[in-house]
Amino acid sequence: MSLSKREQQILALIFCLFSDITMVAWLYFKASNYNRYTRLSGTMVDSPDFQFQIYGILLQSMTFALILFLIAQTVVYILAWRNFRGAYLYLKFFAVFGFAVALYITFTASAFALLPVIFYLTGYYVFARSFKELTAAMQTPLLSSTPQ
């Protein structure tokens, strides 16, 4: 069974979105552990109630930032689905970054990020090829319209 280029693009977009959601969920899981926060922060504030309030604000801020990140990524994936060249260029570089972060998490913390490593690597291959094809398609009419 061979997938068409369009089907490969859609599959890569879905897999990379899944990987983004997985990585955001992992970050939230790690940050939402209050015991870990108290170990990292130590006894910087004497009042445990105030410390818990600061933790709540930090968690809300991080949650808001992660939600904004997912919304922005979803917009970029929609633009890529509509074959915008800039979206593929962004996703090509983001896939490299996502690959590096997922690989780092796999080696240092947990092997769960191994699947996002594979998805980001596949996404990079598909996005780079799509960007190259769209760039070539944009330059072809310019080359053929030159006077002879």
Protein backbone atom coordinates (compact mmCIF):
# COMPACT_ATOMS: atom_id res chain seq x y z
CA MET A 1 0.00 0.00 0.00
CA SER A 2 1.54 3.26 -1.13
CA LEU A 3 0.36 6.61 0.15
CA SER A 4 0.07 9.62 -2.11
CA LYS A 5 2.09 12.75 -1.31
CA ARG A 6 -1.02 14.49 -0.01
CA GLU A 7 -1.85 11.56 2.27
CA GLN A 8 1.73 11.54 3.56
CA GLN A 9 1.47 15.26 4.33
CA ILE A 10 -1.78 14.83 6.21
CA LEU A 11 -0.43 11.85 8.13
CA ALA A 12 2.74 13.77 9.05
CA LEU A 13 0.65 16.74 10.22
CA ILE A 14 -1.53 14.50 12.39
CA PHE A 15 1.47 12.67 13.85
CA CYS A 16 3.33 15.89 14.64
CA LEU A 17 0.22 17.39 16.26
CA PHE A 18 -0.09 14.21 18.32
CA SER A 19 3.57 14.54 19.30
CA ASP A 20 3.06 18.19 20.29
CA ILE A 21 0.12 17.23 22.48
CA THR A 22 2.13 14.38 24.02
CA MET A 23 5.07 16.64 24.83
CA VAL A 24 2.80 19.34 26.31
CA ALA A 25 1.02 16.71 28.43
CA TRP A 26 4.38 15.44 29.70
CA LEU A 27 5.49 18.98 30.61
CA TYR A 28 2.21 19.63 32.40
CA PHE A 29 2.44 16.32 34.25
CA LYS A 30 5.96 17.12 35.43
CA ALA A 31 5.07 20.67 36.48
CA SER A 32 1.80 19.82 38.20
CA ASN A 33 3.49 17.74 40.90
CA TYR A 34 3.41 19.95 44.00
CA ASN A 35 5.87 17.78 45.91
CA ARG A 36 8.44 18.23 43.14
CA TYR A 37 7.86 21.98 43.23
CA THR A 38 8.47 22.15 46.98
CA ARG A 39 11.68 20.12 46.61
CA LEU A 40 12.94 22.47 43.89
CA SER A 41 11.90 25.70 45.56
CA GLY A 42 12.99 24.67 49.03
CA THR A 43 11.83 26.87 51.85
CA MET A 44 12.14 30.19 50.07
CA VAL A 45 8.94 31.47 51.69
CA ASP A 46 8.10 30.82 55.34
CA SER A 47 4.36 30.57 54.80
CA PRO A 48 3.26 27.26 53.22
CA ASP A 49 -0.05 28.84 52.21
CA PHE A 50 1.73 31.61 50.30
CA GLN A 51 4.04 29.04 48.69
CA PHE A 52 0.98 27.09 47.50
CA GLN A 53 -0.54 30.27 46.05
CA ILE A 54 2.66 31.01 44.15
CA TYR A 55 2.64 27.45 42.84
CA GLY A 56 -0.95 27.90 41.66
CA ILE A 57 -0.05 31.07 39.77
CA LEU A 58 2.95 29.40 38.16
CA LEU A 59 0.84 26.41 37.13
CA GLN A 60 -1.90 28.64 35.68
CA SER A 61 0.64 30.69 33.73
CA MET A 62 2.31 27.59 32.35
CA THR A 63 -1.05 26.06 31.43
CA PHE A 64 -2.03 29.24 29.58
CA ALA A 65 1.30 29.30 27.71
CA LEU A 66 0.98 25.63 26.72
CA ILE A 67 -2.58 26.16 25.48
CA LEU A 68 -1.44 29.16 23.41
CA PHE A 69 1.37 27.04 22.00
CA LEU A 70 -1.05 24.28 20.97
CA ILE A 71 -3.41 26.81 19.37
CA ALA A 72 -0.55 28.40 17.42
CA GLN A 73 0.72 24.99 16.31
CA THR A 74 -2.78 24.01 15.20
CA VAL A 75 -3.01 27.18 13.10
CA VAL A 76 0.35 26.37 11.49
CA TYR A 77 -0.79 22.80 10.78
CA ILE A 78 -3.96 24.12 9.14
CA LEU A 79 -1.88 26.49 6.99
CA ALA A 80 0.37 23.58 6.00
CA TRP A 81 -2.69 21.50 5.16
CA ARG A 82 -3.64 24.34 2.79
CA ASN A 83 -0.14 24.17 1.23
CA PHE A 84 1.35 27.43 2.50
CA ARG A 85 5.06 27.36 1.84
CA GLY A 86 5.94 29.35 4.97
CA ALA A 87 4.12 26.86 7.16
CA TYR A 88 6.18 24.01 5.74
CA LEU A 89 9.38 25.96 6.30
CA TYR A 90 8.41 26.59 9.93
CA LEU A 91 7.38 22.97 10.46
CA LYS A 92 10.63 21.75 8.93
CA PHE A 93 12.64 23.68 11.52
CA PHE A 94 10.21 22.92 14.32
CA ALA A 95 10.41 19.19 13.56
CA VAL A 96 14.18 19.36 14.07
CA PHE A 97 13.68 21.16 17.38
CA GLY A 98 10.93 18.75 18.46
CA PHE A 99 13.12 15.81 17.49
CA ALA A 100 15.99 17.14 19.60
CA VAL A 101 13.81 17.82 22.64
CA ALA A 102 12.06 14.44 22.43
CA LEU A 103 15.40 12.67 22.03
CA TYR A 104 16.76 14.52 25.07
CA ILE A 105 13.69 13.56 27.13
CA THR A 106 14.03 9.95 25.97
CA PHE A 107 17.65 9.75 27.10
CA THR A 108 17.31 11.67 30.37
CA ALA A 109 13.84 11.12 31.76
CA SER A 110 11.58 8.62 30.08
CA ALA A 111 11.39 6.38 27.06
CA PHE A 112 7.82 7.51 26.35
CA ALA A 113 9.17 10.22 24.03
CA LEU A 114 10.57 7.63 21.63
CA LEU A 115 7.38 7.66 19.56
CA PRO A 116 7.43 11.49 19.18
CA VAL A 117 11.10 11.19 18.11
CA ILE A 118 10.04 8.95 15.23
CA PHE A 119 7.05 11.16 14.38
CA TYR A 120 9.12 14.36 14.32
CA LEU A 121 11.78 12.71 12.17
CA THR A 122 9.14 11.52 9.71
CA GLY A 123 7.53 14.94 9.80
CA TYR A 124 10.84 16.61 8.98
CA TYR A 125 11.28 14.39 5.93
CA VAL A 126 7.76 15.07 4.63
CA PHE A 127 7.83 18.82 5.42
CA ALA A 128 11.25 19.33 3.83
CA ARG A 129 10.16 17.53 0.67
CA SER A 130 6.87 19.47 0.54
CA PHE A 131 8.69 22.78 1.03
CA LYS A 132 11.11 21.92 -1.77
CA GLU A 133 8.27 20.94 -4.13
CA LEU A 134 6.26 24.10 -3.38
CA THR A 135 9.35 26.26 -3.89
CA ALA A 136 10.10 24.55 -7.21
CA ALA A 137 6.47 24.96 -8.31
CA MET A 138 6.61 28.68 -7.52
CA GLN A 139 9.82 29.19 -9.51
CA THR A 140 8.81 27.17 -12.58
CA PRO A 141 6.38 29.76 -14.03
CA LEU A 142 9.00 32.48 -13.59
CA LEU A 143 11.58 30.53 -15.54
CA SER A 144 9.23 29.65 -18.38
CA SER A 145 8.03 33.22 -18.89
CA THR A 146 11.44 34.67 -19.74
CA PRO A 147 11.66 36.06 -23.29
CA GLN A 148 13.81 34.16 -25.75
